[in-house]
Amino acid sequence: MAEQPAEGSQQAAAKLLTLTEVSKKTGISMPTLQRYKKQFQGRLPSVGRGRSQRFPESALAVFEEIKQENVGRRGRPRKGAAAAAKRTPAAKKAAAAKQAPPKKRGVAKKAAAAPAAKTRRSAAKPAARGKSLAARASAAVASGLLTLTEISKKTGISYPTLVRYVKAHARKLPSVGAGRKRRFHPEAIDVFKRLRSESPRGGRKAGAKKPAARAARAAAGGIDLTKRLAALEKAYKGVEKTLQGWEKKLAGLVGRATKTAGRVAKTATRAARSAAGLREAKTTAKRAAKRPGRPPGRPAKRAAGRRAKK
């Protein structure tokens, strides 16, 4: 889980191993390796996370070191003889007898001897249990039964894939026991290989048929898709009609604006001419006011001559 950036270039150059390959090279079972990965992730050099996590070859020595450190911790933790004796009913009776008034000598000896014997029996139970487990393991090896890790080494199938096959096809696999104590007969190797050949990588085969429920859902999805397409087409037509209406309105507005602009231009031309006439009249009036003794100009003479002819 922990990536080491200082050694990133070296790990990229070296060959990275999966947890199954680490199990084959170190001889440590997959469940134990997964437990080491969770507990000692800070010590293990790795690249990636989750199912894509890979380990360099330098991690093999770290796994071996962790294995040597945990050799004495195999199996369930055993309770000490003193702790077991304190929790037994015999020990409780002995404590109650100490608080009770003293009895006769013979009776007291028998009462003291009985709890001690029961304590020895309860202390001997964990040792007997360990011996029975070791005897079962040796009996399984002697009978030729195989663990899932050994089958992974012999078949080349990864441990998680084998676990999935056991969950899905438990009835087809000849085995003994259940859970972590399950062991498989040698004939199970051929069954695992057959299951592996029947389920190639890449998902479903090209000619495989879909289940009836999936086909029904697909058909219902096709009907819904047709309805949605029809609704989209109807909405598109409505939008297109609206756009055409807006286009006509815009064309009318553009025509009106053009006519108004022409009228404004004509009005501006007339105003300019009127302004020019006014300026000329003012200039003439100013000149006449400055020279009152002079006769009027040519236009005034012409007008006077016309009147006289009439």
C-alpha atoms as a PDB file:
ATOM      1  CA  MET A   1       0.000   0.000   0.000  1.00  0.00           C
ATOM      2  CA  ALA A   2       2.817   2.441   0.765  1.00  0.00           C
ATOM      3  CA  GLU A   3       4.671   3.867  -2.211  1.00  0.00           C
ATOM      4  CA  GLN A   4       8.315   4.882  -1.832  1.00  0.00           C
ATOM      5  CA  PRO A   5       9.108   7.823  -4.163  1.00  0.00           C
ATOM      6  CA  ALA A   6      12.864   7.623  -3.467  1.00  0.00           C
ATOM      7  CA  GLU A   7      13.073   4.172  -5.055  1.00  0.00           C
ATOM      8  CA  GLY A   8      10.469   4.753  -7.785  1.00  0.00           C
ATOM      9  CA  SER A   9      12.927   4.589 -10.673  1.00  0.00           C
ATOM     10  CA  GLN A  10      14.589   1.401  -9.376  1.00  0.00           C
ATOM     11  CA  GLN A  11      11.241  -0.351  -8.866  1.00  0.00           C
ATOM     12  CA  ALA A  12      10.085   0.656 -12.341  1.00  0.00           C
ATOM     13  CA  ALA A  13      13.221  -0.903 -13.821  1.00  0.00           C
ATOM     14  CA  ALA A  14      12.960  -4.100 -11.729  1.00  0.00           C
ATOM     15  CA  LYS A  15      10.311  -6.776 -12.318  1.00  0.00           C
ATOM     16  CA  LEU A  16       7.186  -6.293 -10.200  1.00  0.00           C
ATOM     17  CA  LEU A  17       5.451  -9.325  -8.694  1.00  0.00           C
ATOM     18  CA  THR A  18       1.836 -10.020  -7.789  1.00  0.00           C
ATOM     19  CA  LEU A  19       0.889 -11.472  -4.417  1.00  0.00           C
ATOM     20  CA  THR A  20       0.336 -14.871  -6.033  1.00  0.00           C
ATOM     21  CA  GLU A  21       3.879 -14.848  -7.470  1.00  0.00           C
ATOM     22  CA  VAL A  22       5.223 -13.824  -4.058  1.00  0.00           C
ATOM     23  CA  SER A  23       3.352 -16.800  -2.555  1.00  0.00           C
ATOM     24  CA  LYS A  24       4.942 -19.169  -5.086  1.00  0.00           C
ATOM     25  CA  LYS A  25       8.471 -17.867  -4.487  1.00  0.00           C
ATOM     26  CA  THR A  26       8.307 -17.641  -0.678  1.00  0.00           C
ATOM     27  CA  GLY A  27       6.025 -20.620   0.043  1.00  0.00           C
ATOM     28  CA  ILE A  28       3.777 -18.450   2.252  1.00  0.00           C
ATOM     29  CA  SER A  29       0.041 -18.945   1.843  1.00  0.00           C
ATOM     30  CA  MET A  30      -2.116 -16.240   0.265  1.00  0.00           C
ATOM     31  CA  PRO A  31      -4.203 -15.513   3.410  1.00  0.00           C
ATOM     32  CA  THR A  32      -1.001 -15.031   5.440  1.00  0.00           C
ATOM     33  CA  LEU A  33       0.455 -12.708   2.786  1.00  0.00           C
ATOM     34  CA  GLN A  34      -2.752 -10.665   2.749  1.00  0.00           C
ATOM     35  CA  ARG A  35      -2.570 -10.372   6.536  1.00  0.00           C
ATOM     36  CA  TYR A  36       1.081  -9.270   6.341  1.00  0.00           C
ATOM     37  CA  LYS A  37       0.149  -6.691   3.692  1.00  0.00           C
ATOM     38  CA  LYS A  38      -2.510  -5.141   5.971  1.00  0.00           C
ATOM     39  CA  GLN A  39      -0.455  -5.215   9.196  1.00  0.00           C
ATOM     40  CA  PHE A  40       3.010  -4.263   7.852  1.00  0.00           C
ATOM     41  CA  GLN A  41       2.183  -2.032   4.883  1.00  0.00           C
ATOM     42  CA  GLY A  42       4.736   0.525   6.089  1.00  0.00           C
ATOM     43  CA  ARG A  43       7.592  -1.988   5.821  1.00  0.00           C
ATOM     44  CA  LEU A  44       6.696  -3.508   2.458  1.00  0.00           C
ATOM     45  CA  PRO A  45       7.942  -1.724  -0.695  1.00  0.00           C
ATOM     46  CA  SER A  46       5.154  -1.719  -3.278  1.00  0.00           C
ATOM     47  CA  VAL A  47       3.678   0.115  -6.262  1.00  0.00           C
ATOM     48  CA  GLY A  48      -0.058   0.781  -6.731  1.00  0.00           C
ATOM     49  CA  ARG A  49      -3.027   0.058  -4.517  1.00  0.00           C
ATOM     50  CA  GLY A  50      -5.733  -2.561  -4.074  1.00  0.00           C
ATOM     51  CA  ARG A  51      -5.853  -5.352  -6.678  1.00  0.00           C
ATOM     52  CA  SER A  52      -3.316  -3.511  -8.867  1.00  0.00           C
ATOM     53  CA  GLN A  53      -0.667  -3.454  -6.116  1.00  0.00           C
ATOM     54  CA  ARG A  54       2.670  -5.000  -7.148  1.00  0.00           C
ATOM     55  CA  PHE A  55       5.841  -5.795  -5.188  1.00  0.00           C
ATOM     56  CA  PRO A  56       9.499  -5.636  -6.272  1.00  0.00           C
ATOM     57  CA  GLU A  57      11.834  -8.575  -5.679  1.00  0.00           C
ATOM     58  CA  SER A  58      13.316  -6.790  -2.673  1.00  0.00           C
ATOM     59  CA  ALA A  59       9.980  -7.318  -0.885  1.00  0.00           C
ATOM     60  CA  LEU A  60      10.591 -11.107  -0.783  1.00  0.00           C
ATOM     61  CA  ALA A  61      13.250 -10.667   1.912  1.00  0.00           C
ATOM     62  CA  VAL A  62      10.880  -8.455   3.924  1.00  0.00           C
ATOM     63  CA  PHE A  63       8.123 -11.091   3.724  1.00  0.00           C
ATOM     64  CA  GLU A  64      10.588 -13.769   4.909  1.00  0.00           C
ATOM     65  CA  GLU A  65      11.697 -11.538   7.772  1.00  0.00           C
ATOM     66  CA  ILE A  66       8.087 -10.958   8.867  1.00  0.00           C
ATOM     67  CA  LYS A  67       7.453 -14.705   8.622  1.00  0.00           C
ATOM     68  CA  GLN A  68      10.417 -15.445  10.937  1.00  0.00           C
ATOM     69  CA  GLU A  69       9.160 -12.835  13.396  1.00  0.00           C
ATOM     70  CA  ASN A  70       5.697 -14.455  13.496  1.00  0.00           C
ATOM     71  CA  VAL A  71       6.790 -18.103  13.669  1.00  0.00           C
ATOM     72  CA  GLY A  72       5.957 -18.371  17.375  1.00  0.00           C
ATOM     73  CA  ARG A  73       2.525 -16.812  16.880  1.00  0.00           C
ATOM     74  CA  ARG A  74       0.997 -19.470  14.631  1.00  0.00           C
ATOM     75  CA  GLY A  75      -2.467 -20.711  15.565  1.00  0.00           C
ATOM     76  CA  ARG A  76      -4.753 -19.238  18.152  1.00  0.00           C
ATOM     77  CA  PRO A  77      -3.191 -17.594  21.233  1.00  0.00           C
ATOM     78  CA  ARG A  78      -3.171 -20.094  24.090  1.00  0.00           C
ATOM     79  CA  LYS A  79      -4.274 -19.130  27.554  1.00  0.00           C
ATOM     80  CA  GLY A  80      -1.866 -19.608  30.426  1.00  0.00           C
ATOM     81  CA  ALA A  81      -2.467 -22.308  32.997  1.00  0.00           C
ATOM     82  CA  ALA A  82      -2.910 -19.747  35.795  1.00  0.00           C
ATOM     83  CA  ALA A  83      -5.490 -17.727  33.835  1.00  0.00           C
ATOM     84  CA  ALA A  84      -7.355 -20.901  32.875  1.00  0.00           C
ATOM     85  CA  ALA A  85      -7.312 -22.089  36.474  1.00  0.00           C
ATOM     86  CA  LYS A  86      -8.719 -18.790  37.726  1.00  0.00           C
ATOM     87  CA  ARG A  87     -11.705 -18.985  35.364  1.00  0.00           C
ATOM     88  CA  THR A  88     -12.595 -22.655  36.009  1.00  0.00           C
ATOM     89  CA  PRO A  89     -15.521 -23.561  38.306  1.00  0.00           C
ATOM     90  CA  ALA A  90     -13.095 -25.568  40.482  1.00  0.00           C
ATOM     91  CA  ALA A  91     -11.014 -22.458  41.199  1.00  0.00           C
ATOM     92  CA  LYS A  92     -14.151 -20.549  42.151  1.00  0.00           C
ATOM     93  CA  LYS A  93     -15.159 -23.362  44.542  1.00  0.00           C
ATOM     94  CA  ALA A  94     -11.667 -23.344  46.069  1.00  0.00           C
ATOM     95  CA  ALA A  95     -11.888 -19.587  46.689  1.00  0.00           C
ATOM     96  CA  ALA A  96     -15.292 -20.042  48.292  1.00  0.00           C
ATOM     97  CA  ALA A  97     -13.930 -22.866  50.462  1.00  0.00           C
ATOM     98  CA  LYS A  98     -11.160 -20.564  51.743  1.00  0.00           C
ATOM     99  CA  GLN A  99     -13.728 -18.049  52.900  1.00  0.00           C
ATOM    100  CA  ALA A 100     -15.983 -20.748  54.467  1.00  0.00           C
ATOM    101  CA  PRO A 101     -15.402 -21.959  58.065  1.00  0.00           C
ATOM    102  CA  PRO A 102     -12.821 -24.772  58.444  1.00  0.00           C
ATOM    103  CA  LYS A 103     -14.027 -28.371  58.126  1.00  0.00           C
ATOM    104  CA  LYS A 104     -12.620 -31.659  59.257  1.00  0.00           C
ATOM    105  CA  ARG A 105      -9.126 -32.647  58.147  1.00  0.00           C
ATOM    106  CA  GLY A 106     -10.112 -35.476  55.778  1.00  0.00           C
ATOM    107  CA  VAL A 107     -12.845 -33.494  54.110  1.00  0.00           C
ATOM    108  CA  ALA A 108     -10.572 -30.442  53.663  1.00  0.00           C
ATOM    109  CA  LYS A 109      -7.870 -32.554  51.972  1.00  0.00           C
ATOM    110  CA  LYS A 110     -10.353 -34.024  49.488  1.00  0.00           C
ATOM    111  CA  ALA A 111     -11.807 -30.587  48.728  1.00  0.00           C
ATOM    112  CA  ALA A 112      -8.306 -29.144  48.125  1.00  0.00           C
ATOM    113  CA  ALA A 113      -7.231 -32.075  45.929  1.00  0.00           C
ATOM    114  CA  ALA A 114     -10.306 -31.917  43.631  1.00  0.00           C
ATOM    115  CA  PRO A 115      -9.755 -28.328  42.369  1.00  0.00           C
ATOM    116  CA  ALA A 116      -6.068 -28.996  41.753  1.00  0.00           C
ATOM    117  CA  ALA A 117      -6.891 -32.028  39.599  1.00  0.00           C
ATOM    118  CA  LYS A 118      -9.475 -30.062  37.590  1.00  0.00           C
ATOM    119  CA  THR A 119      -6.984 -27.227  37.141  1.00  0.00           C
ATOM    120  CA  ARG A 120      -4.402 -29.631  35.713  1.00  0.00           C
ATOM    121  CA  ARG A 121      -7.011 -31.024  33.322  1.00  0.00           C
ATOM    122  CA  SER A 122      -8.071 -27.553  32.113  1.00  0.00           C
ATOM    123  CA  ALA A 123      -4.415 -26.530  31.648  1.00  0.00           C
ATOM    124  CA  ALA A 124      -3.787 -29.678  29.611  1.00  0.00           C
ATOM    125  CA  LYS A 125      -6.730 -28.978  27.246  1.00  0.00           C
ATOM    126  CA  PRO A 126      -4.975 -26.327  25.043  1.00  0.00           C
ATOM    127  CA  ALA A 127      -1.961 -28.591  24.598  1.00  0.00           C
ATOM    128  CA  ALA A 128      -4.222 -31.494  23.624  1.00  0.00           C
ATOM    129  CA  ARG A 129      -6.088 -29.233  21.225  1.00  0.00           C
ATOM    130  CA  GLY A 130      -2.819 -28.199  19.547  1.00  0.00           C
ATOM    131  CA  LYS A 131      -1.772 -31.826  19.240  1.00  0.00           C
ATOM    132  CA  SER A 132      -5.136 -32.710  17.667  1.00  0.00           C
ATOM    133  CA  LEU A 133      -4.733 -29.932  15.066  1.00  0.00           C
ATOM    134  CA  ALA A 134      -1.226 -31.086  14.231  1.00  0.00           C
ATOM    135  CA  ALA A 135      -2.500 -34.649  13.960  1.00  0.00           C
ATOM    136  CA  ARG A 136      -5.246 -33.551  11.568  1.00  0.00           C
ATOM    137  CA  ALA A 137      -2.764 -31.663   9.405  1.00  0.00           C
ATOM    138  CA  SER A 138      -0.412 -34.629   9.236  1.00  0.00           C
ATOM    139  CA  ALA A 139      -3.364 -36.912   8.436  1.00  0.00           C
ATOM    140  CA  ALA A 140      -4.439 -34.591   5.607  1.00  0.00           C
ATOM    141  CA  VAL A 141      -0.901 -34.614   4.158  1.00  0.00           C
ATOM    142  CA  ALA A 142      -0.731 -38.373   4.470  1.00  0.00           C
ATOM    143  CA  SER A 143      -4.083 -38.843   2.720  1.00  0.00           C
ATOM    144  CA  GLY A 144      -3.011 -36.626  -0.190  1.00  0.00           C
ATOM    145  CA  LEU A 145      -5.438 -33.777   0.468  1.00  0.00           C
ATOM    146  CA  LEU A 146      -4.411 -30.351  -0.865  1.00  0.00           C
ATOM    147  CA  THR A 147      -4.911 -26.791   0.334  1.00  0.00           C
ATOM    148  CA  LEU A 148      -6.039 -24.011  -1.936  1.00  0.00           C
ATOM    149  CA  THR A 149      -2.523 -22.528  -1.940  1.00  0.00           C
ATOM    150  CA  GLU A 150      -1.025 -25.831  -3.128  1.00  0.00           C
ATOM    151  CA  ILE A 151      -3.646 -26.064  -5.877  1.00  0.00           C
ATOM    152  CA  SER A 152      -2.756 -22.505  -6.931  1.00  0.00           C
ATOM    153  CA  LYS A 153       0.898 -23.511  -7.283  1.00  0.00           C
ATOM    154  CA  LYS A 154       0.081 -26.653  -9.284  1.00  0.00           C
ATOM    155  CA  THR A 155      -2.524 -25.161 -11.616  1.00  0.00           C
ATOM    156  CA  GLY A 156      -1.134 -21.645 -12.026  1.00  0.00           C
ATOM    157  CA  ILE A 157      -4.551 -20.137 -11.191  1.00  0.00           C
ATOM    158  CA  SER A 158      -4.501 -17.170  -8.825  1.00  0.00           C
ATOM    159  CA  TYR A 159      -5.731 -17.640  -5.262  1.00  0.00           C
ATOM    160  CA  PRO A 160      -8.649 -15.132  -5.503  1.00  0.00           C
ATOM    161  CA  THR A 161      -9.900 -16.893  -8.647  1.00  0.00           C
ATOM    162  CA  LEU A 162      -9.803 -20.261  -6.863  1.00  0.00           C
ATOM    163  CA  VAL A 163     -11.768 -18.796  -3.946  1.00  0.00           C
ATOM    164  CA  ARG A 164     -14.385 -17.547  -6.403  1.00  0.00           C
ATOM    165  CA  TYR A 165     -14.616 -21.002  -8.010  1.00  0.00           C
ATOM    166  CA  VAL A 166     -15.081 -22.620  -4.582  1.00  0.00           C
ATOM    167  CA  LYS A 167     -17.948 -20.239  -3.731  1.00  0.00           C
ATOM    168  CA  ALA A 168     -19.679 -20.693  -7.091  1.00  0.00           C
ATOM    169  CA  HIS A 169     -19.046 -24.430  -7.738  1.00  0.00           C
ATOM    170  CA  ALA A 170     -18.614 -25.988  -4.279  1.00  0.00           C
ATOM    171  CA  ARG A 171     -20.723 -29.056  -5.209  1.00  0.00           C
ATOM    172  CA  LYS A 172     -18.537 -29.920  -8.200  1.00  0.00           C
ATOM    173  CA  LEU A 173     -15.297 -29.884  -6.187  1.00  0.00           C
ATOM    174  CA  PRO A 174     -14.389 -33.023  -4.191  1.00  0.00           C
ATOM    175  CA  SER A 175     -13.340 -31.726  -0.781  1.00  0.00           C
ATOM    176  CA  VAL A 176     -13.319 -32.458   2.942  1.00  0.00           C
ATOM    177  CA  GLY A 177     -14.216 -30.003   5.717  1.00  0.00           C
ATOM    178  CA  ALA A 178     -15.511 -26.452   5.516  1.00  0.00           C
ATOM    179  CA  GLY A 179     -14.198 -22.916   5.743  1.00  0.00           C
ATOM    180  CA  ARG A 180     -10.444 -22.544   6.369  1.00  0.00           C
ATOM    181  CA  LYS A 181     -10.216 -26.266   7.210  1.00  0.00           C
ATOM    182  CA  ARG A 182     -11.450 -27.297   3.763  1.00  0.00           C
ATOM    183  CA  ARG A 183      -9.054 -29.621   1.920  1.00  0.00           C
ATOM    184  CA  PHE A 184      -9.362 -30.878  -1.642  1.00  0.00           C
ATOM    185  CA  HIS A 185      -8.730 -34.255  -3.217  1.00  0.00           C
ATOM    186  CA  PRO A 186      -6.183 -34.449  -6.073  1.00  0.00           C
ATOM    187  CA  GLU A 187      -9.082 -34.958  -8.502  1.00  0.00           C
ATOM    188  CA  ALA A 188     -10.151 -31.365  -7.797  1.00  0.00           C
ATOM    189  CA  ILE A 189      -7.190 -30.081  -9.845  1.00  0.00           C
ATOM    190  CA  ASP A 190      -8.810 -31.269 -13.095  1.00  0.00           C
ATOM    191  CA  VAL A 191     -12.122 -29.698 -12.028  1.00  0.00           C
ATOM    192  CA  PHE A 192     -10.422 -26.348 -11.348  1.00  0.00           C
ATOM    193  CA  LYS A 193      -8.683 -26.472 -14.745  1.00  0.00           C
ATOM    194  CA  ARG A 194     -11.969 -27.251 -16.475  1.00  0.00           C
ATOM    195  CA  LEU A 195     -13.673 -24.350 -14.725  1.00  0.00           C
ATOM    196  CA  ARG A 196     -10.803 -22.102 -15.796  1.00  0.00           C
ATOM    197  CA  SER A 197     -11.159 -23.175 -19.425  1.00  0.00           C
ATOM    198  CA  GLU A 198     -14.932 -22.635 -19.336  1.00  0.00           C
ATOM    199  CA  SER A 199     -14.582 -19.073 -18.038  1.00  0.00           C
ATOM    200  CA  PRO A 200     -11.901 -17.380 -20.175  1.00  0.00           C
ATOM    201  CA  ARG A 201     -10.734 -13.852 -19.554  1.00  0.00           C
ATOM    202  CA  GLY A 202     -12.596 -10.994 -21.169  1.00  0.00           C
ATOM    203  CA  GLY A 203     -16.129 -11.762 -19.933  1.00  0.00           C
ATOM    204  CA  ARG A 204     -18.944 -13.435 -21.863  1.00  0.00           C
ATOM    205  CA  LYS A 205     -18.362 -15.400 -25.061  1.00  0.00           C
ATOM    206  CA  ALA A 206     -19.484 -13.977 -28.389  1.00  0.00           C
ATOM    207  CA  GLY A 207     -22.178 -16.637 -28.958  1.00  0.00           C
ATOM    208  CA  ALA A 208     -23.440 -16.777 -25.370  1.00  0.00           C
ATOM    209  CA  LYS A 209     -27.137 -16.081 -24.871  1.00  0.00           C
ATOM    210  CA  LYS A 210     -28.360 -13.456 -22.480  1.00  0.00           C
ATOM    211  CA  PRO A 211     -30.677 -14.490 -19.627  1.00  0.00           C
ATOM    212  CA  ALA A 212     -34.423 -14.045 -20.108  1.00  0.00           C
ATOM    213  CA  ALA A 213     -34.607 -11.257 -17.513  1.00  0.00           C
ATOM    214  CA  ARG A 214     -31.862  -9.310 -19.254  1.00  0.00           C
ATOM    215  CA  ALA A 215     -33.569  -9.806 -22.630  1.00  0.00           C
ATOM    216  CA  ALA A 216     -36.858  -8.520 -21.186  1.00  0.00           C
ATOM    217  CA  ARG A 217     -35.125  -5.497 -19.698  1.00  0.00           C
ATOM    218  CA  ALA A 218     -33.388  -4.846 -23.017  1.00  0.00           C
ATOM    219  CA  ALA A 219     -36.710  -5.060 -24.902  1.00  0.00           C
ATOM    220  CA  ALA A 220     -38.370  -2.715 -22.403  1.00  0.00           C
ATOM    221  CA  GLY A 221     -35.422  -0.373 -22.754  1.00  0.00           C
ATOM    222  CA  GLY A 222     -35.843  -0.439 -26.551  1.00  0.00           C
ATOM    223  CA  ILE A 223     -39.534   0.522 -26.239  1.00  0.00           C
ATOM    224  CA  ASP A 224     -38.673   3.343 -23.861  1.00  0.00           C
ATOM    225  CA  LEU A 225     -35.969   4.511 -26.247  1.00  0.00           C
ATOM    226  CA  THR A 226     -38.474   4.619 -29.160  1.00  0.00           C
ATOM    227  CA  LYS A 227     -40.869   6.720 -27.081  1.00  0.00           C
ATOM    228  CA  ARG A 228     -38.095   9.059 -26.072  1.00  0.00           C
ATOM    229  CA  LEU A 229     -36.981   9.479 -29.686  1.00  0.00           C
ATOM    230  CA  ALA A 230     -40.570  10.274 -30.761  1.00  0.00           C
ATOM    231  CA  ALA A 231     -40.886  12.852 -27.971  1.00  0.00           C
ATOM    232  CA  LEU A 232     -37.541  14.421 -28.941  1.00  0.00           C
ATOM    233  CA  GLU A 233     -38.620  14.610 -32.601  1.00  0.00           C
ATOM    234  CA  LYS A 234     -41.893  16.311 -31.623  1.00  0.00           C
ATOM    235  CA  ALA A 235     -40.058  18.794 -29.430  1.00  0.00           C
ATOM    236  CA  TYR A 236     -37.598  19.483 -32.255  1.00  0.00           C
ATOM    237  CA  LYS A 237     -40.470  20.289 -34.631  1.00  0.00           C
ATOM    238  CA  GLY A 238     -41.976  22.673 -32.093  1.00  0.00           C
ATOM    239  CA  VAL A 239     -38.637  24.429 -31.643  1.00  0.00           C
ATOM    240  CA  GLU A 240     -38.198  24.652 -35.418  1.00  0.00           C
ATOM    241  CA  LYS A 241     -41.670  26.215 -35.825  1.00  0.00           C
ATOM    242  CA  THR A 242     -40.936  28.753 -33.097  1.00  0.00           C
ATOM    243  CA  LEU A 243     -37.642  29.682 -34.749  1.00  0.00           C
ATOM    244  CA  GLN A 244     -39.394  30.233 -38.084  1.00  0.00           C
ATOM    245  CA  GLY A 245     -41.888  32.596 -36.406  1.00  0.00           C
ATOM    246  CA  TRP A 246     -39.067  34.537 -34.817  1.00  0.00           C
ATOM    247  CA  GLU A 247     -37.309  34.708 -38.182  1.00  0.00           C
ATOM    248  CA  LYS A 248     -40.382  36.263 -39.816  1.00  0.00           C
ATOM    249  CA  LYS A 249     -40.715  38.783 -37.013  1.00  0.00           C
ATOM    250  CA  LEU A 250     -37.064  39.724 -37.314  1.00  0.00           C
ATOM    251  CA  ALA A 251     -37.435  40.178 -41.113  1.00  0.00           C
ATOM    252  CA  GLY A 252     -40.403  42.541 -40.547  1.00  0.00           C
ATOM    253  CA  LEU A 253     -38.469  44.519 -37.969  1.00  0.00           C
ATOM    254  CA  VAL A 254     -35.496  44.819 -40.334  1.00  0.00           C
ATOM    255  CA  GLY A 255     -37.791  46.142 -43.147  1.00  0.00           C
ATOM    256  CA  ARG A 256     -39.393  48.689 -40.857  1.00  0.00           C
ATOM    257  CA  ALA A 257     -36.017  49.805 -39.581  1.00  0.00           C
ATOM    258  CA  THR A 258     -34.788  50.266 -43.192  1.00  0.00           C
ATOM    259  CA  LYS A 259     -37.819  52.407 -44.136  1.00  0.00           C
ATOM    260  CA  THR A 260     -37.450  54.488 -40.988  1.00  0.00           C
ATOM    261  CA  ALA A 261     -33.762  55.003 -41.724  1.00  0.00           C
ATOM    262  CA  GLY A 262     -34.643  56.272 -45.266  1.00  0.00           C
ATOM    263  CA  ARG A 263     -37.186  58.709 -43.883  1.00  0.00           C
ATOM    264  CA  VAL A 264     -34.739  59.933 -41.278  1.00  0.00           C
ATOM    265  CA  ALA A 265     -32.108  60.460 -44.002  1.00  0.00           C
ATOM    266  CA  LYS A 266     -34.542  62.521 -46.122  1.00  0.00           C
ATOM    267  CA  THR A 267     -35.573  64.598 -43.134  1.00  0.00           C
ATOM    268  CA  ALA A 268     -31.946  65.218 -42.277  1.00  0.00           C
ATOM    269  CA  THR A 269     -31.225  66.356 -45.858  1.00  0.00           C
ATOM    270  CA  ARG A 270     -34.155  68.797 -45.762  1.00  0.00           C
ATOM    271  CA  ALA A 271     -33.062  70.094 -42.396  1.00  0.00           C
ATOM    272  CA  ALA A 272     -29.552  70.621 -43.705  1.00  0.00           C
ATOM    273  CA  ARG A 273     -30.848  72.559 -46.694  1.00  0.00           C
ATOM    274  CA  SER A 274     -33.104  74.691 -44.482  1.00  0.00           C
ATOM    275  CA  ALA A 275     -30.195  75.401 -42.169  1.00  0.00           C
ATOM    276  CA  ALA A 276     -28.033  76.439 -45.142  1.00  0.00           C
ATOM    277  CA  GLY A 277     -30.806  78.798 -46.402  1.00  0.00           C
ATOM    278  CA  LEU A 278     -31.168  80.340 -42.988  1.00  0.00           C
ATOM    279  CA  ARG A 279     -27.437  80.920 -42.686  1.00  0.00           C
ATOM    280  CA  GLU A 280     -27.377  82.577 -46.132  1.00  0.00           C
ATOM    281  CA  ALA A 281     -30.327  84.845 -45.258  1.00  0.00           C
ATOM    282  CA  LYS A 282     -28.681  85.907 -42.025  1.00  0.00           C
ATOM    283  CA  THR A 283     -25.450  86.705 -43.860  1.00  0.00           C
ATOM    284  CA  THR A 284     -27.348  88.808 -46.417  1.00  0.00           C
ATOM    285  CA  ALA A 285     -29.227  90.657 -43.687  1.00  0.00           C
ATOM    286  CA  LYS A 286     -26.007  91.453 -41.871  1.00  0.00           C
ATOM    287  CA  ARG A 287     -24.409  92.857 -45.045  1.00  0.00           C
ATOM    288  CA  ALA A 288     -27.438  95.010 -45.774  1.00  0.00           C
ATOM    289  CA  ALA A 289     -27.433  96.355 -42.258  1.00  0.00           C
ATOM    290  CA  LYS A 290     -23.767  97.367 -42.552  1.00  0.00           C
ATOM    291  CA  ARG A 291     -24.264  99.296 -45.931  1.00  0.00           C
ATOM    292  CA  PRO A 292     -27.665 101.054 -45.778  1.00  0.00           C
ATOM    293  CA  GLY A 293     -26.943 103.679 -48.567  1.00  0.00           C
ATOM    294  CA  ARG A 294     -26.181 101.135 -51.270  1.00  0.00           C
ATOM    295  CA  PRO A 295     -28.818 100.042 -53.732  1.00  0.00           C
ATOM    296  CA  PRO A 296     -30.194  96.547 -53.357  1.00  0.00           C
ATOM    297  CA  GLY A 297     -28.525  93.716 -55.120  1.00  0.00           C
ATOM    298  CA  ARG A 298     -29.362  92.217 -58.460  1.00  0.00           C
ATOM    299  CA  PRO A 299     -32.281  90.072 -57.249  1.00  0.00           C
ATOM    300  CA  ALA A 300     -33.992  93.154 -55.816  1.00  0.00           C
ATOM    301  CA  LYS A 301     -33.506  95.100 -59.130  1.00  0.00           C
ATOM    302  CA  ARG A 302     -35.008  92.252 -61.148  1.00  0.00           C
ATOM    303  CA  ALA A 303     -38.004  92.069 -58.872  1.00  0.00           C
ATOM    304  CA  ALA A 304     -38.538  95.861 -59.156  1.00  0.00           C
ATOM    305  CA  GLY A 305     -38.306  95.690 -62.982  1.00  0.00           C
ATOM    306  CA  ARG A 306     -40.913  92.917 -63.186  1.00  0.00           C
ATOM    307  CA  ARG A 307     -43.322  94.915 -61.074  1.00  0.00           C
ATOM    308  CA  ALA A 308     -42.849  97.945 -63.252  1.00  0.00           C
ATOM    309  CA  LYS A 309     -43.641  95.999 -66.458  1.00  0.00           C
ATOM    310  CA  LYS A 310     -46.826  94.711 -64.946  1.00  0.00           C
END
